[in-house]
Amino acid sequence: MSDNHENVAVEEETEVHFEPVIKLEAVEVKTHEEDEDAIFKMRAKLFRFFKESNEWKERGTGDVRLLQHKETKRIRLLMRRDKTLKVCANHNVSADMALTPNVGSDRSWVWNVAADYSEDPAEPMTLAIRLANAENADLFKTAFENAQKSNADLKAKAASTEEKEEKKEEKVEEKKEEEEKKEEKKEESA
């Protein structure tokens, strides 16, 4: 093989630079997760049951999170798909959701949701989640049940507070009525 460098054409290096026609400003996107703290986070695969076709269909794979609102302390379940970050589950965790083991698997759970907000409009659905192993499935169940208890306690506390407020309002109204009656009696006697 001969070293004939003279016949080899030298490639020119060119730098191509394009200026954008329109300059776009960076837009801050709010996910409303800024107001919440993650109390549970684990990788999982989510499925949805379709009654019409009587089959499970995959909703996505990603991190399932239980998020607690910083002010209201309500807990919701949120799951986003990997890469696209599209929401595949978004609902409040309520006490009436029964978390049951999926038939034939020790690492998956099934529950019914009254209203899942991952789709528009929100609709009831049956969801199943499959985790990496039985230990992770037990951790998810524990966190889910703790979230249910926490939300139920918040609901009971709000109901008792509302009841106390109603009683206070009734007492205030009774006092006003008594004062009005006293005023009427004074006017009649005068």
N, C-alpha and C. Protein backbone atom coordinates (compact mmCIF):
# COMPACT_ATOMS: atom_id res chain seq x y z
N MET A 1 0.85 -1.16 0.00
CA MET A 1 0.00 0.00 0.00
C MET A 1 0.90 1.23 0.00
N SER A 2 0.65 2.10 -0.90
CA SER A 2 1.51 3.27 -1.01
C SER A 2 0.91 4.44 -0.26
N ASP A 3 1.77 5.25 0.26
CA ASP A 3 1.31 6.45 0.96
C ASP A 3 1.24 7.59 -0.03
N ASN A 4 0.11 7.70 -0.67
CA ASN A 4 -0.06 8.73 -1.69
C ASN A 4 -1.04 9.76 -1.15
N HIS A 5 -0.54 10.68 -0.38
CA HIS A 5 -1.38 11.69 0.23
C HIS A 5 -1.67 12.84 -0.71
N GLU A 6 -0.98 12.93 -1.75
CA GLU A 6 -1.16 14.04 -2.68
C GLU A 6 -2.47 13.94 -3.44
N ASN A 7 -2.93 12.74 -3.71
CA ASN A 7 -4.15 12.55 -4.50
C ASN A 7 -5.42 12.64 -3.66
N VAL A 8 -5.29 12.60 -2.36
CA VAL A 8 -6.46 12.63 -1.49
C VAL A 8 -6.95 14.07 -1.37
N ALA A 9 -8.24 14.27 -1.64
CA ALA A 9 -8.82 15.61 -1.56
C ALA A 9 -9.03 15.98 -0.10
N VAL A 10 -8.71 17.19 0.24
CA VAL A 10 -8.88 17.66 1.60
C VAL A 10 -10.31 18.17 1.74
N GLU A 11 -11.02 17.65 2.74
CA GLU A 11 -12.40 18.08 2.95
C GLU A 11 -12.40 19.43 3.63
N GLU A 12 -13.29 20.27 3.16
CA GLU A 12 -13.41 21.58 3.79
C GLU A 12 -14.34 21.46 4.98
N GLU A 13 -13.99 22.14 6.04
CA GLU A 13 -14.85 22.16 7.20
C GLU A 13 -15.74 23.38 7.10
N THR A 14 -17.04 23.12 7.10
CA THR A 14 -17.99 24.23 7.03
C THR A 14 -18.84 24.23 8.29
N GLU A 15 -19.10 25.41 8.75
CA GLU A 15 -19.97 25.55 9.91
C GLU A 15 -21.27 26.17 9.45
N VAL A 16 -22.34 25.45 9.68
CA VAL A 16 -23.66 25.95 9.30
C VAL A 16 -24.35 26.44 10.56
N HIS A 17 -24.87 27.64 10.49
CA HIS A 17 -25.56 28.21 11.65
C HIS A 17 -26.88 28.80 11.18
N PHE A 18 -27.96 28.37 11.80
CA PHE A 18 -29.29 28.88 11.45
C PHE A 18 -29.82 29.72 12.59
N GLU A 19 -30.36 30.87 12.25
CA GLU A 19 -31.01 31.72 13.23
C GLU A 19 -32.50 31.41 13.22
N PRO A 20 -33.13 31.29 14.39
CA PRO A 20 -34.57 31.02 14.41
C PRO A 20 -35.34 32.22 13.88
N VAL A 21 -36.43 31.93 13.19
CA VAL A 21 -37.28 32.98 12.65
C VAL A 21 -37.97 33.72 13.78
N ILE A 22 -38.47 32.95 14.75
CA ILE A 22 -39.15 33.53 15.90
C ILE A 22 -38.45 33.04 17.16
N LYS A 23 -38.18 33.95 18.05
CA LYS A 23 -37.57 33.54 19.32
C LYS A 23 -38.69 33.28 20.32
N LEU A 24 -38.67 32.07 20.88
CA LEU A 24 -39.68 31.68 21.86
C LEU A 24 -39.12 31.81 23.27
N GLU A 25 -39.95 32.34 24.14
CA GLU A 25 -39.57 32.47 25.53
C GLU A 25 -39.83 31.14 26.24
N ALA A 26 -39.05 30.86 27.24
CA ALA A 26 -39.26 29.65 28.03
C ALA A 26 -40.54 29.81 28.84
N VAL A 27 -41.41 28.82 28.76
CA VAL A 27 -42.69 28.86 29.46
C VAL A 27 -42.62 27.91 30.64
N GLU A 28 -43.01 28.41 31.80
CA GLU A 28 -43.02 27.57 32.99
C GLU A 28 -44.31 26.76 33.00
N VAL A 29 -44.18 25.46 33.01
CA VAL A 29 -45.34 24.57 32.99
C VAL A 29 -45.61 24.11 34.42
N LYS A 30 -46.88 24.27 34.84
CA LYS A 30 -47.25 23.86 36.19
C LYS A 30 -47.95 22.51 36.12
N THR A 31 -47.49 21.59 36.94
CA THR A 31 -48.10 20.27 37.01
C THR A 31 -48.98 20.15 38.25
N HIS A 32 -48.97 21.14 39.11
CA HIS A 32 -49.66 21.17 40.40
C HIS A 32 -49.08 20.15 41.36
N GLU A 33 -47.94 19.59 41.02
CA GLU A 33 -47.23 18.71 41.94
C GLU A 33 -46.30 19.52 42.82
N GLU A 34 -46.14 20.81 42.51
CA GLU A 34 -45.27 21.68 43.29
C GLU A 34 -45.82 21.88 44.70
N ASP A 35 -47.15 21.79 44.84
CA ASP A 35 -47.80 22.01 46.13
C ASP A 35 -47.92 20.72 46.94
N GLU A 36 -47.26 19.66 46.49
CA GLU A 36 -47.43 18.36 47.14
C GLU A 36 -46.07 17.73 47.47
N ASP A 37 -46.10 16.88 48.48
CA ASP A 37 -44.91 16.12 48.86
C ASP A 37 -45.15 14.65 48.52
N ALA A 38 -44.15 14.00 47.95
CA ALA A 38 -44.26 12.58 47.63
C ALA A 38 -44.01 11.78 48.90
N ILE A 39 -45.02 11.02 49.33
CA ILE A 39 -44.85 10.19 50.53
C ILE A 39 -44.56 8.74 50.16
N PHE A 40 -44.73 8.41 48.88
CA PHE A 40 -44.41 7.07 48.38
C PHE A 40 -44.08 7.17 46.90
N LYS A 41 -43.04 6.45 46.48
CA LYS A 41 -42.66 6.45 45.06
C LYS A 41 -42.03 5.11 44.73
N MET A 42 -42.56 4.46 43.69
CA MET A 42 -42.01 3.17 43.29
C MET A 42 -42.33 2.91 41.82
N ARG A 43 -41.44 2.22 41.17
CA ARG A 43 -41.62 1.88 39.76
C ARG A 43 -42.65 0.76 39.64
N ALA A 44 -43.57 0.90 38.65
CA ALA A 44 -44.63 -0.09 38.49
C ALA A 44 -45.19 -0.04 37.07
N LYS A 45 -46.05 -1.00 36.79
CA LYS A 45 -46.77 -1.04 35.52
C LYS A 45 -48.26 -1.03 35.84
N LEU A 46 -49.01 -0.16 35.16
CA LEU A 46 -50.43 0.02 35.44
C LEU A 46 -51.27 -0.54 34.31
N PHE A 47 -52.39 -1.19 34.67
CA PHE A 47 -53.32 -1.76 33.71
C PHE A 47 -54.72 -1.27 34.01
N ARG A 48 -55.56 -1.25 32.98
CA ARG A 48 -56.97 -0.88 33.13
C ARG A 48 -57.82 -2.01 32.56
N PHE A 49 -58.92 -2.33 33.24
CA PHE A 49 -59.81 -3.39 32.78
C PHE A 49 -60.94 -2.79 31.96
N PHE A 50 -61.15 -3.35 30.76
CA PHE A 50 -62.24 -2.93 29.89
C PHE A 50 -63.31 -4.01 29.90
N LYS A 51 -64.51 -3.67 30.40
CA LYS A 51 -65.60 -4.64 30.50
C LYS A 51 -66.11 -5.07 29.13
N GLU A 52 -66.11 -4.13 28.17
CA GLU A 52 -66.64 -4.44 26.84
C GLU A 52 -65.89 -5.61 26.20
N SER A 53 -64.58 -5.57 26.26
CA SER A 53 -63.77 -6.62 25.64
C SER A 53 -63.31 -7.66 26.67
N ASN A 54 -63.64 -7.44 27.94
CA ASN A 54 -63.31 -8.36 29.03
C ASN A 54 -61.81 -8.66 29.08
N GLU A 55 -60.99 -7.58 29.00
CA GLU A 55 -59.54 -7.78 29.03
C GLU A 55 -58.84 -6.60 29.70
N TRP A 56 -57.62 -6.88 30.16
CA TRP A 56 -56.77 -5.86 30.74
C TRP A 56 -55.93 -5.23 29.64
N LYS A 57 -55.81 -3.90 29.68
CA LYS A 57 -54.95 -3.21 28.72
C LYS A 57 -53.94 -2.37 29.51
N GLU A 58 -52.72 -2.37 29.02
CA GLU A 58 -51.66 -1.63 29.71
C GLU A 58 -51.87 -0.13 29.57
N ARG A 59 -51.75 0.58 30.71
CA ARG A 59 -51.87 2.04 30.71
C ARG A 59 -50.50 2.69 30.64
N GLY A 60 -49.50 2.03 31.19
CA GLY A 60 -48.17 2.60 31.13
C GLY A 60 -47.25 2.05 32.20
N THR A 61 -45.97 2.34 32.03
CA THR A 61 -44.94 1.96 32.99
C THR A 61 -44.26 3.23 33.47
N GLY A 62 -44.07 3.33 34.77
CA GLY A 62 -43.43 4.52 35.32
C GLY A 62 -43.43 4.48 36.83
N ASP A 63 -43.24 5.65 37.44
CA ASP A 63 -43.23 5.75 38.90
C ASP A 63 -44.63 6.06 39.39
N VAL A 64 -45.15 5.19 40.26
CA VAL A 64 -46.43 5.47 40.92
C VAL A 64 -46.08 6.22 42.20
N ARG A 65 -46.81 7.32 42.44
CA ARG A 65 -46.52 8.15 43.61
C ARG A 65 -47.79 8.46 44.37
N LEU A 66 -47.65 8.50 45.68
CA LEU A 66 -48.72 8.99 46.54
C LEU A 66 -48.27 10.38 46.98
N LEU A 67 -49.06 11.39 46.61
CA LEU A 67 -48.70 12.78 46.87
C LEU A 67 -49.63 13.38 47.91
N GLN A 68 -49.06 14.02 48.92
CA GLN A 68 -49.85 14.67 49.96
C GLN A 68 -49.75 16.17 49.79
N HIS A 69 -50.92 16.82 49.68
CA HIS A 69 -50.97 18.27 49.51
C HIS A 69 -50.45 18.94 50.78
N LYS A 70 -49.65 19.98 50.62
CA LYS A 70 -49.00 20.63 51.76
C LYS A 70 -49.99 21.34 52.66
N GLU A 71 -51.07 21.89 52.10
CA GLU A 71 -52.03 22.64 52.90
C GLU A 71 -53.21 21.78 53.36
N THR A 72 -53.85 21.09 52.42
CA THR A 72 -55.06 20.33 52.76
C THR A 72 -54.75 18.96 53.34
N LYS A 73 -53.53 18.46 53.13
CA LYS A 73 -53.07 17.15 53.60
C LYS A 73 -53.79 15.98 52.91
N ARG A 74 -54.58 16.26 51.86
CA ARG A 74 -55.22 15.18 51.10
C ARG A 74 -54.16 14.42 50.31
N ILE A 75 -54.37 13.12 50.15
CA ILE A 75 -53.41 12.28 49.44
C ILE A 75 -54.06 11.76 48.16
N ARG A 76 -53.32 11.83 47.06
CA ARG A 76 -53.80 11.30 45.79
C ARG A 76 -52.74 10.39 45.19
N LEU A 77 -53.19 9.51 44.30
CA LEU A 77 -52.28 8.62 43.58
C LEU A 77 -52.05 9.22 42.21
N LEU A 78 -50.79 9.33 41.82
CA LEU A 78 -50.44 9.88 40.51
C LEU A 78 -49.39 8.98 39.88
N MET A 79 -49.61 8.65 38.62
CA MET A 79 -48.62 7.87 37.89
C MET A 79 -48.46 8.46 36.51
N ARG A 80 -47.20 8.69 36.13
CA ARG A 80 -46.87 9.21 34.80
C ARG A 80 -46.06 8.16 34.05
N ARG A 81 -46.29 8.11 32.74
CA ARG A 81 -45.53 7.18 31.90
C ARG A 81 -44.09 7.66 31.77
N ASP A 82 -43.17 6.70 31.63
CA ASP A 82 -41.77 7.04 31.36
C ASP A 82 -41.68 7.75 30.02
N LYS A 83 -40.69 8.57 29.88
CA LYS A 83 -40.35 9.29 28.64
C LYS A 83 -41.38 10.33 28.26
N THR A 84 -42.65 9.95 28.02
CA THR A 84 -43.64 10.94 27.59
C THR A 84 -44.19 11.74 28.76
N LEU A 85 -44.10 11.22 29.96
CA LEU A 85 -44.61 11.83 31.19
C LEU A 85 -46.12 12.07 31.14
N LYS A 86 -46.82 11.35 30.29
CA LYS A 86 -48.27 11.47 30.22
C LYS A 86 -48.89 10.80 31.45
N VAL A 87 -49.91 11.44 32.01
CA VAL A 87 -50.55 10.92 33.21
C VAL A 87 -51.38 9.69 32.84
N CYS A 88 -51.14 8.58 33.55
CA CYS A 88 -51.94 7.38 33.29
C CYS A 88 -52.82 7.02 34.48
N ALA A 89 -52.63 7.66 35.62
CA ALA A 89 -53.52 7.50 36.78
C ALA A 89 -53.42 8.75 37.63
N ASN A 90 -54.59 9.27 38.02
CA ASN A 90 -54.64 10.47 38.84
C ASN A 90 -55.97 10.48 39.57
N HIS A 91 -55.97 10.08 40.83
CA HIS A 91 -57.21 10.07 41.60
C HIS A 91 -56.92 10.18 43.09
N ASN A 92 -57.91 10.67 43.83
CA ASN A 92 -57.80 10.72 45.28
C ASN A 92 -57.89 9.31 45.83
N VAL A 93 -57.20 9.06 46.91
CA VAL A 93 -57.26 7.76 47.57
C VAL A 93 -58.35 7.85 48.62
N SER A 94 -59.44 7.11 48.42
CA SER A 94 -60.56 7.18 49.35
C SER A 94 -60.71 5.85 50.10
N ALA A 95 -61.39 5.92 51.24
CA ALA A 95 -61.53 4.75 52.11
C ALA A 95 -62.39 3.66 51.48
N ASP A 96 -63.24 4.01 50.52
CA ASP A 96 -64.12 2.99 49.92
C ASP A 96 -63.44 2.19 48.81
N MET A 97 -62.19 2.47 48.52
CA MET A 97 -61.44 1.69 47.52
C MET A 97 -60.92 0.43 48.19
N ALA A 98 -61.32 -0.72 47.66
CA ALA A 98 -60.86 -1.99 48.22
C ALA A 98 -59.67 -2.49 47.41
N LEU A 99 -58.52 -2.53 48.03
CA LEU A 99 -57.30 -3.01 47.38
C LEU A 99 -57.27 -4.53 47.54
N THR A 100 -57.45 -5.25 46.44
CA THR A 100 -57.49 -6.71 46.49
C THR A 100 -56.34 -7.29 45.68
N PRO A 101 -55.83 -8.45 46.11
CA PRO A 101 -54.74 -9.06 45.34
C PRO A 101 -55.25 -9.56 43.99
N ASN A 102 -54.43 -9.41 42.98
CA ASN A 102 -54.78 -9.88 41.64
C ASN A 102 -54.64 -11.40 41.63
N VAL A 103 -55.59 -12.07 41.00
CA VAL A 103 -55.61 -13.52 40.97
C VAL A 103 -54.33 -14.06 40.33
N GLY A 104 -53.68 -14.96 41.03
CA GLY A 104 -52.50 -15.63 40.48
C GLY A 104 -51.21 -14.85 40.57
N SER A 105 -51.18 -13.74 41.30
CA SER A 105 -49.94 -12.97 41.41
C SER A 105 -49.79 -12.42 42.82
N ASP A 106 -48.59 -12.52 43.34
CA ASP A 106 -48.33 -11.97 44.67
C ASP A 106 -47.70 -10.58 44.60
N ARG A 107 -47.57 -10.05 43.38
CA ARG A 107 -46.93 -8.74 43.23
C ARG A 107 -47.82 -7.72 42.52
N SER A 108 -49.14 -7.98 42.50
CA SER A 108 -50.04 -7.02 41.86
C SER A 108 -51.32 -6.85 42.67
N TRP A 109 -51.92 -5.66 42.54
CA TRP A 109 -53.14 -5.30 43.27
C TRP A 109 -54.16 -4.72 42.30
N VAL A 110 -55.44 -4.89 42.65
CA VAL A 110 -56.56 -4.39 41.84
C VAL A 110 -57.45 -3.54 42.73
N TRP A 111 -57.98 -2.43 42.19
CA TRP A 111 -58.94 -1.60 42.91
C TRP A 111 -59.82 -0.85 41.93
N ASN A 112 -61.00 -0.43 42.42
CA ASN A 112 -61.95 0.35 41.62
C ASN A 112 -61.85 1.81 42.01
N VAL A 113 -61.90 2.66 41.00
CA VAL A 113 -61.81 4.10 41.19
C VAL A 113 -63.13 4.73 40.76
N ALA A 114 -63.70 5.58 41.61
CA ALA A 114 -64.96 6.24 41.27
C ALA A 114 -64.76 7.27 40.16
N ALA A 115 -63.64 7.99 40.21
CA ALA A 115 -63.35 9.01 39.19
C ALA A 115 -61.85 9.16 39.05
N ASP A 116 -61.33 8.72 37.92
CA ASP A 116 -59.91 8.90 37.63
C ASP A 116 -59.78 10.07 36.66
N TYR A 117 -58.93 11.03 37.00
CA TYR A 117 -58.81 12.26 36.22
C TYR A 117 -57.69 12.23 35.20
N SER A 118 -57.17 11.05 34.88
CA SER A 118 -56.11 10.97 33.88
C SER A 118 -56.67 11.16 32.48
N GLU A 119 -57.97 10.94 32.32
CA GLU A 119 -58.62 11.17 31.03
C GLU A 119 -59.69 12.23 31.22
N ASP A 120 -60.04 12.86 30.14
CA ASP A 120 -61.07 13.90 30.20
C ASP A 120 -62.28 13.42 29.42
N PRO A 121 -63.44 13.27 29.96
CA PRO A 121 -63.84 13.55 31.34
C PRO A 121 -63.44 12.42 32.29
N ALA A 122 -63.46 12.73 33.57
CA ALA A 122 -63.12 11.72 34.58
C ALA A 122 -64.16 10.61 34.54
N GLU A 123 -63.71 9.39 34.71
CA GLU A 123 -64.63 8.26 34.63
C GLU A 123 -64.24 7.18 35.62
N PRO A 124 -65.21 6.37 36.04
CA PRO A 124 -64.89 5.25 36.92
C PRO A 124 -64.15 4.16 36.15
N MET A 125 -63.23 3.49 36.81
CA MET A 125 -62.48 2.42 36.13
C MET A 125 -61.91 1.45 37.15
N THR A 126 -61.57 0.28 36.65
CA THR A 126 -60.89 -0.74 37.46
C THR A 126 -59.43 -0.74 37.04
N LEU A 127 -58.55 -0.56 38.02
CA LEU A 127 -57.11 -0.49 37.75
C LEU A 127 -56.39 -1.64 38.44
N ALA A 128 -55.28 -2.04 37.84
CA ALA A 128 -54.39 -3.03 38.45
C ALA A 128 -52.97 -2.50 38.34
N ILE A 129 -52.20 -2.76 39.36
CA ILE A 129 -50.81 -2.33 39.35
C ILE A 129 -49.93 -3.54 39.62
N ARG A 130 -48.85 -3.65 38.85
CA ARG A 130 -47.91 -4.75 39.04
C ARG A 130 -46.55 -4.15 39.39
N LEU A 131 -46.00 -4.63 40.49
CA LEU A 131 -44.71 -4.14 40.96
C LEU A 131 -43.63 -5.20 40.73
N ALA A 132 -42.40 -4.84 40.99
CA ALA A 132 -41.26 -5.70 40.66
C ALA A 132 -41.27 -7.03 41.42
N ASN A 133 -41.67 -6.99 42.70
CA ASN A 133 -41.67 -8.23 43.49
C ASN A 133 -42.71 -8.14 44.59
N ALA A 134 -42.88 -9.24 45.33
CA ALA A 134 -43.90 -9.31 46.38
C ALA A 134 -43.61 -8.31 47.51
N GLU A 135 -42.34 -8.09 47.81
CA GLU A 135 -41.97 -7.15 48.87
C GLU A 135 -42.42 -5.73 48.50
N ASN A 136 -42.17 -5.32 47.26
CA ASN A 136 -42.60 -4.00 46.80
C ASN A 136 -44.12 -3.91 46.79
N ALA A 137 -44.79 -5.00 46.43
CA ALA A 137 -46.26 -5.01 46.43
C ALA A 137 -46.80 -4.79 47.83
N ASP A 138 -46.16 -5.40 48.83
CA ASP A 138 -46.58 -5.21 50.22
C ASP A 138 -46.33 -3.77 50.68
N LEU A 139 -45.21 -3.19 50.25
CA LEU A 139 -44.92 -1.79 50.59
C LEU A 139 -45.98 -0.87 49.99
N PHE A 140 -46.37 -1.14 48.74
CA PHE A 140 -47.40 -0.34 48.08
C PHE A 140 -48.72 -0.45 48.84
N LYS A 141 -49.08 -1.69 49.21
CA LYS A 141 -50.35 -1.90 49.92
C LYS A 141 -50.36 -1.13 51.24
N THR A 142 -49.28 -1.21 51.98
CA THR A 142 -49.18 -0.50 53.26
C THR A 142 -49.32 1.01 53.07
N ALA A 143 -48.61 1.55 52.10
CA ALA A 143 -48.68 3.00 51.83
C ALA A 143 -50.07 3.40 51.38
N PHE A 144 -50.70 2.59 50.52
CA PHE A 144 -52.05 2.88 50.01
C PHE A 144 -53.06 2.88 51.16
N GLU A 145 -52.98 1.86 52.03
CA GLU A 145 -53.91 1.78 53.16
C GLU A 145 -53.69 2.91 54.15
N ASN A 146 -52.44 3.31 54.37
CA ASN A 146 -52.17 4.46 55.24
C ASN A 146 -52.76 5.74 54.64
N ALA A 147 -52.67 5.88 53.33
CA ALA A 147 -53.25 7.05 52.65
C ALA A 147 -54.77 7.04 52.80
N GLN A 148 -55.37 5.86 52.67
CA GLN A 148 -56.83 5.75 52.85
C GLN A 148 -57.23 6.20 54.25
N LYS A 149 -56.50 5.72 55.26
CA LYS A 149 -56.81 6.07 56.65
C LYS A 149 -56.63 7.57 56.88
N SER A 150 -55.55 8.12 56.35
CA SER A 150 -55.28 9.55 56.52
C SER A 150 -56.39 10.40 55.90
N ASN A 151 -56.80 10.05 54.67
CA ASN A 151 -57.87 10.80 54.01
C ASN A 151 -59.20 10.63 54.73
N ALA A 152 -59.47 9.43 55.26
CA ALA A 152 -60.72 9.20 56.01
C ALA A 152 -60.72 10.04 57.28
N ASP A 153 -59.57 10.11 57.97
CA ASP A 153 -59.47 10.94 59.18
C ASP A 153 -59.69 12.41 58.86
N LEU A 154 -59.12 12.87 57.75
CA LEU A 154 -59.32 14.27 57.33
C LEU A 154 -60.79 14.55 57.05
N LYS A 155 -61.44 13.60 56.39
CA LYS A 155 -62.86 13.76 56.05
C LYS A 155 -63.71 13.81 57.32
N ALA A 156 -63.42 12.92 58.27
CA ALA A 156 -64.17 12.90 59.53
C ALA A 156 -63.94 14.19 60.32
N LYS A 157 -62.70 14.66 60.32
CA LYS A 157 -62.37 15.90 61.03
C LYS A 157 -63.10 17.08 60.40
N ALA A 158 -63.13 17.12 59.07
CA ALA A 158 -63.83 18.20 58.37
C ALA A 158 -65.32 18.15 58.66
N ALA A 159 -65.88 16.94 58.71
CA ALA A 159 -67.31 16.79 58.99
C ALA A 159 -67.63 17.25 60.41
N SER A 160 -66.80 16.89 61.39
CA SER A 160 -67.05 17.31 62.77
C SER A 160 -66.88 18.82 62.92
N THR A 161 -65.92 19.40 62.22
CA THR A 161 -65.72 20.85 62.25
C THR A 161 -66.93 21.55 61.65
N GLU A 162 -67.43 20.99 60.55
CA GLU A 162 -68.61 21.56 59.90
C GLU A 162 -69.82 21.48 60.82
N GLU A 163 -69.95 20.36 61.52
CA GLU A 163 -71.06 20.17 62.45
C GLU A 163 -70.98 21.18 63.60
N LYS A 164 -69.77 21.39 64.13
CA LYS A 164 -69.58 22.37 65.21
C LYS A 164 -69.94 23.77 64.74
N GLU A 165 -69.55 24.10 63.52
CA GLU A 165 -69.86 25.43 62.97
C GLU A 165 -71.36 25.62 62.84
N GLU A 166 -72.05 24.57 62.39
CA GLU A 166 -73.51 24.65 62.26
C GLU A 166 -74.15 24.88 63.62
N LYS A 167 -73.67 24.18 64.65
CA LYS A 167 -74.22 24.35 66.00
C LYS A 167 -73.97 25.77 66.50
N LYS A 168 -72.79 26.32 66.23
CA LYS A 168 -72.49 27.69 66.63
C LYS A 168 -73.44 28.66 65.95
N GLU A 169 -73.67 28.45 64.66
CA GLU A 169 -74.58 29.32 63.92
C GLU A 169 -75.99 29.23 64.48
N GLU A 170 -76.42 28.01 64.84
CA GLU A 170 -77.76 27.85 65.43
C GLU A 170 -77.86 28.59 66.75
N LYS A 171 -76.82 28.51 67.59
CA LYS A 171 -76.83 29.21 68.87
C LYS A 171 -76.88 30.72 68.67
N VAL A 172 -76.14 31.22 67.70
CA VAL A 172 -76.14 32.65 67.41
C VAL A 172 -77.54 33.09 66.97
N GLU A 173 -78.17 32.28 66.12
CA GLU A 173 -79.52 32.61 65.66
C GLU A 173 -80.51 32.58 66.81
N GLU A 174 -80.39 31.60 67.72
CA GLU A 174 -81.28 31.52 68.87
C GLU A 174 -81.12 32.75 69.76
N LYS A 175 -79.89 33.18 69.98
CA LYS A 175 -79.64 34.37 70.80
C LYS A 175 -80.26 35.61 70.16
N LYS A 176 -80.13 35.72 68.84
CA LYS A 176 -80.72 36.86 68.14
C LYS A 176 -82.23 36.86 68.29
N GLU A 177 -82.84 35.68 68.17
CA GLU A 177 -84.30 35.57 68.31
C GLU A 177 -84.72 35.96 69.72
N GLU A 178 -83.98 35.51 70.75
CA GLU A 178 -84.29 35.86 72.13
C GLU A 178 -84.18 37.36 72.34
N GLU A 179 -83.15 37.97 71.79
CA GLU A 179 -82.97 39.42 71.93
C GLU A 179 -84.10 40.17 71.24
N GLU A 180 -84.52 39.68 70.08
CA GLU A 180 -85.62 40.32 69.36
C GLU A 180 -86.91 40.22 70.16
N LYS A 181 -87.14 39.08 70.80
CA LYS A 181 -88.34 38.91 71.64
C LYS A 181 -88.30 39.85 72.83
N LYS A 182 -87.13 40.00 73.45
CA LYS A 182 -86.98 40.92 74.58
C LYS A 182 -87.25 42.35 74.14
N GLU A 183 -86.76 42.72 72.96
CA GLU A 183 -86.99 44.06 72.42
C GLU A 183 -88.49 44.28 72.20
N GLU A 184 -89.16 43.26 71.64
CA GLU A 184 -90.60 43.37 71.38
C GLU A 184 -91.37 43.55 72.69
N LYS A 185 -90.99 42.80 73.73
CA LYS A 185 -91.66 42.91 75.02
C LYS A 185 -91.45 44.29 75.63
N LYS A 186 -90.23 44.85 75.48
CA LYS A 186 -89.95 46.18 75.99
C LYS A 186 -90.81 47.22 75.28
N GLU A 187 -90.95 47.04 73.95
CA GLU A 187 -91.74 47.99 73.17
C GLU A 187 -93.22 47.88 73.53
N GLU A 188 -93.70 46.67 73.80
CA GLU A 188 -95.11 46.47 74.16
C GLU A 188 -95.40 47.06 75.54
N SER A 189 -94.48 46.92 76.48
CA SER A 189 -94.71 47.42 77.83
C SER A 189 -94.55 48.94 77.91
N ALA A 190 -93.86 49.53 76.99
CA ALA A 190 -93.64 50.96 77.04
C ALA A 190 -94.79 51.75 76.50
